[in-house]
Amino acid sequence: MFPVLMDQKEKERLSKYSIPDQLPIAFVNQFKKQIEKNHDQSIEKLAERGGLHPRELIAAIYGISLQTYFGRVQEQLSDEQTIFAINLITLKLKDFEKNEKKHIQTKKNI
């Protein structure tokens, strides 16, 4: 599993939202190339250091650099962006899990 990095105050402010503490490593690996490019570290090293913030994950999901992502939202880095990031990650994760189940079912039927 890959940790989602948020400080306690941020978690408390956003407690009404379903914030995962961890994501399946297979899900994160889909964005490995961009994550490692953005952070100049391996996913394993990032996991050891506490993971990534949802907004950092979104940059990787979009396939853009942190500089590009944060440059676009720098004036308003707020809870709204974090909520958006969490919601998008949740949707992407649900799609990933659905596809994984289909893949497993297909293997069983072969």
C-alpha atoms as a PDB file:
ATOM      1  CA  MET A   1       0.000   0.000   0.000  1.00  0.00           C
ATOM      2  CA  PHE A   2       1.074   3.579  -0.679  1.00  0.00           C
ATOM      3  CA  PRO A   3       0.430   6.217   2.031  1.00  0.00           C
ATOM      4  CA  VAL A   4      -1.594   9.372   1.436  1.00  0.00           C
ATOM      5  CA  LEU A   5       0.192  12.237   3.149  1.00  0.00           C
ATOM      6  CA  MET A   6      -1.865  14.815   5.019  1.00  0.00           C
ATOM      7  CA  ASP A   7      -1.228  16.543   8.299  1.00  0.00           C
ATOM      8  CA  GLN A   8      -3.594  16.006  11.221  1.00  0.00           C
ATOM      9  CA  LYS A   9      -5.087  19.511  11.084  1.00  0.00           C
ATOM     10  CA  GLU A  10      -5.949  19.087   7.417  1.00  0.00           C
ATOM     11  CA  LYS A  11      -7.506  15.669   8.096  1.00  0.00           C
ATOM     12  CA  GLU A  12      -9.592  17.172  10.890  1.00  0.00           C
ATOM     13  CA  ARG A  13     -10.805  20.073   8.712  1.00  0.00           C
ATOM     14  CA  LEU A  14     -11.780  17.636   5.970  1.00  0.00           C
ATOM     15  CA  SER A  15     -13.073  14.866   8.233  1.00  0.00           C
ATOM     16  CA  LYS A  16     -16.508  14.770   6.581  1.00  0.00           C
ATOM     17  CA  TYR A  17     -14.843  13.531   3.388  1.00  0.00           C
ATOM     18  CA  SER A  18     -13.697   9.982   2.890  1.00  0.00           C
ATOM     19  CA  ILE A  19      -9.936  10.390   2.867  1.00  0.00           C
ATOM     20  CA  PRO A  20      -7.991   7.186   2.329  1.00  0.00           C
ATOM     21  CA  ASP A  21      -4.891   6.719   4.461  1.00  0.00           C
ATOM     22  CA  GLN A  22      -3.400   4.446   1.814  1.00  0.00           C
ATOM     23  CA  LEU A  23      -3.870   3.502  -1.822  1.00  0.00           C
ATOM     24  CA  PRO A  24      -3.090   0.170  -3.463  1.00  0.00           C
ATOM     25  CA  ILE A  25       0.433   0.232  -4.855  1.00  0.00           C
ATOM     26  CA  ALA A  26      -0.879  -1.221  -8.128  1.00  0.00           C
ATOM     27  CA  PHE A  27      -3.116   1.853  -8.483  1.00  0.00           C
ATOM     28  CA  VAL A  28      -0.244   4.252  -7.787  1.00  0.00           C
ATOM     29  CA  ASN A  29       2.047   2.333 -10.161  1.00  0.00           C
ATOM     30  CA  GLN A  30      -0.135   3.471 -13.076  1.00  0.00           C
ATOM     31  CA  PHE A  31       1.321   6.941 -12.509  1.00  0.00           C
ATOM     32  CA  LYS A  32       4.794   5.800 -11.451  1.00  0.00           C
ATOM     33  CA  LYS A  33       6.676   7.427 -14.308  1.00  0.00           C
ATOM     34  CA  GLN A  34       5.182  10.870 -13.643  1.00  0.00           C
ATOM     35  CA  ILE A  35       5.444  10.543  -9.858  1.00  0.00           C
ATOM     36  CA  GLU A  36       9.122   9.628 -10.064  1.00  0.00           C
ATOM     37  CA  LYS A  37       9.742  12.398 -12.589  1.00  0.00           C
ATOM     38  CA  ASN A  38       7.976  14.936 -10.360  1.00  0.00           C
ATOM     39  CA  HIS A  39       9.797  13.915  -7.192  1.00  0.00           C
ATOM     40  CA  ASP A  40      13.098  12.538  -8.485  1.00  0.00           C
ATOM     41  CA  GLN A  41      12.638   9.568  -6.133  1.00  0.00           C
ATOM     42  CA  SER A  42      11.286   6.057  -6.471  1.00  0.00           C
ATOM     43  CA  ILE A  43       7.750   5.254  -5.379  1.00  0.00           C
ATOM     44  CA  GLU A  44       9.242   2.966  -2.737  1.00  0.00           C
ATOM     45  CA  LYS A  45      11.349   5.804  -1.287  1.00  0.00           C
ATOM     46  CA  LEU A  46       8.361   8.158  -1.329  1.00  0.00           C
ATOM     47  CA  ALA A  47       6.274   5.541   0.497  1.00  0.00           C
ATOM     48  CA  GLU A  48       9.005   5.175   3.121  1.00  0.00           C
ATOM     49  CA  ARG A  49       9.002   8.956   3.591  1.00  0.00           C
ATOM     50  CA  GLY A  50       5.242   9.119   4.158  1.00  0.00           C
ATOM     51  CA  GLY A  51       3.732   9.086   0.669  1.00  0.00           C
ATOM     52  CA  LEU A  52       2.238  11.948  -1.318  1.00  0.00           C
ATOM     53  CA  HIS A  53      -0.413  14.572  -0.688  1.00  0.00           C
ATOM     54  CA  PRO A  54      -3.600  14.155  -2.761  1.00  0.00           C
ATOM     55  CA  ARG A  55      -2.739  17.261  -4.800  1.00  0.00           C
ATOM     56  CA  GLU A  56       0.656  15.760  -5.668  1.00  0.00           C
ATOM     57  CA  LEU A  57      -1.083  12.570  -6.773  1.00  0.00           C
ATOM     58  CA  ILE A  58      -3.442  14.575  -8.975  1.00  0.00           C
ATOM     59  CA  ALA A  59      -0.520  16.151 -10.824  1.00  0.00           C
ATOM     60  CA  ALA A  60       0.749  12.644 -11.599  1.00  0.00           C
ATOM     61  CA  ILE A  61      -2.713  11.425 -12.631  1.00  0.00           C
ATOM     62  CA  TYR A  62      -2.953  14.373 -15.045  1.00  0.00           C
ATOM     63  CA  GLY A  63       0.565  13.598 -16.257  1.00  0.00           C
ATOM     64  CA  ILE A  64       1.944  17.052 -15.489  1.00  0.00           C
ATOM     65  CA  SER A  65       4.812  18.414 -13.443  1.00  0.00           C
ATOM     66  CA  LEU A  66       4.309  19.735  -9.936  1.00  0.00           C
ATOM     67  CA  GLN A  67       5.524  23.112 -11.123  1.00  0.00           C
ATOM     68  CA  THR A  68       2.842  23.202 -13.816  1.00  0.00           C
ATOM     69  CA  TYR A  69       0.103  21.969 -11.473  1.00  0.00           C
ATOM     70  CA  PHE A  70       0.951  24.184  -8.533  1.00  0.00           C
ATOM     71  CA  GLY A  71       1.675  27.113 -10.827  1.00  0.00           C
ATOM     72  CA  ARG A  72      -1.939  26.952 -11.984  1.00  0.00           C
ATOM     73  CA  VAL A  73      -3.442  26.839  -8.509  1.00  0.00           C
ATOM     74  CA  GLN A  74      -0.781  28.630  -6.460  1.00  0.00           C
ATOM     75  CA  GLU A  75      -2.982  31.601  -5.570  1.00  0.00           C
ATOM     76  CA  GLN A  76      -5.676  29.378  -4.109  1.00  0.00           C
ATOM     77  CA  LEU A  77      -4.099  26.295  -2.558  1.00  0.00           C
ATOM     78  CA  SER A  78      -7.038  25.535  -0.370  1.00  0.00           C
ATOM     79  CA  ASP A  79      -9.195  22.812   1.048  1.00  0.00           C
ATOM     80  CA  GLU A  80     -11.300  22.979  -2.123  1.00  0.00           C
ATOM     81  CA  GLN A  81      -8.378  21.758  -4.231  1.00  0.00           C
ATOM     82  CA  THR A  82      -7.689  18.999  -1.727  1.00  0.00           C
ATOM     83  CA  ILE A  83     -11.342  17.947  -1.734  1.00  0.00           C
ATOM     84  CA  PHE A  84     -11.304  17.913  -5.536  1.00  0.00           C
ATOM     85  CA  ALA A  85      -8.133  15.820  -5.474  1.00  0.00           C
ATOM     86  CA  ILE A  86      -9.587  13.358  -2.978  1.00  0.00           C
ATOM     87  CA  ASN A  87     -12.789  12.988  -4.998  1.00  0.00           C
ATOM     88  CA  LEU A  88     -10.910  12.447  -8.253  1.00  0.00           C
ATOM     89  CA  ILE A  89      -8.569   9.915  -6.671  1.00  0.00           C
ATOM     90  CA  THR A  90     -11.580   8.086  -5.219  1.00  0.00           C
ATOM     91  CA  LEU A  91     -13.229   7.915  -8.660  1.00  0.00           C
ATOM     92  CA  LYS A  92     -10.017   6.760 -10.347  1.00  0.00           C
ATOM     93  CA  LEU A  93      -9.520   4.145  -7.632  1.00  0.00           C
ATOM     94  CA  LYS A  94     -13.062   2.810  -8.093  1.00  0.00           C
ATOM     95  CA  ASP A  95     -12.469   2.506 -11.860  1.00  0.00           C
ATOM     96  CA  PHE A  96      -9.162   0.774 -11.202  1.00  0.00           C
ATOM     97  CA  GLU A  97     -10.741  -1.709  -8.773  1.00  0.00           C
ATOM     98  CA  LYS A  98     -13.596  -2.407 -11.193  1.00  0.00           C
ATOM     99  CA  ASN A  99     -11.121  -3.107 -13.995  1.00  0.00           C
ATOM    100  CA  GLU A 100      -9.030  -5.318 -11.705  1.00  0.00           C
ATOM    101  CA  LYS A 101     -12.120  -7.397 -10.874  1.00  0.00           C
ATOM    102  CA  LYS A 102     -12.925  -7.770 -14.587  1.00  0.00           C
ATOM    103  CA  HIS A 103      -9.335  -8.795 -15.272  1.00  0.00           C
ATOM    104  CA  ILE A 104      -9.417 -11.413 -12.501  1.00  0.00           C
ATOM    105  CA  GLN A 105     -12.791 -12.716 -13.721  1.00  0.00           C
ATOM    106  CA  THR A 106     -11.487 -12.966 -17.288  1.00  0.00           C
ATOM    107  CA  LYS A 107      -8.482 -14.983 -16.080  1.00  0.00           C
ATOM    108  CA  LYS A 108     -10.803 -17.349 -14.198  1.00  0.00           C
ATOM    109  CA  ASN A 109     -12.919 -17.897 -17.311  1.00  0.00           C
ATOM    110  CA  ILE A 110      -9.950 -18.782 -19.506  1.00  0.00           C
END
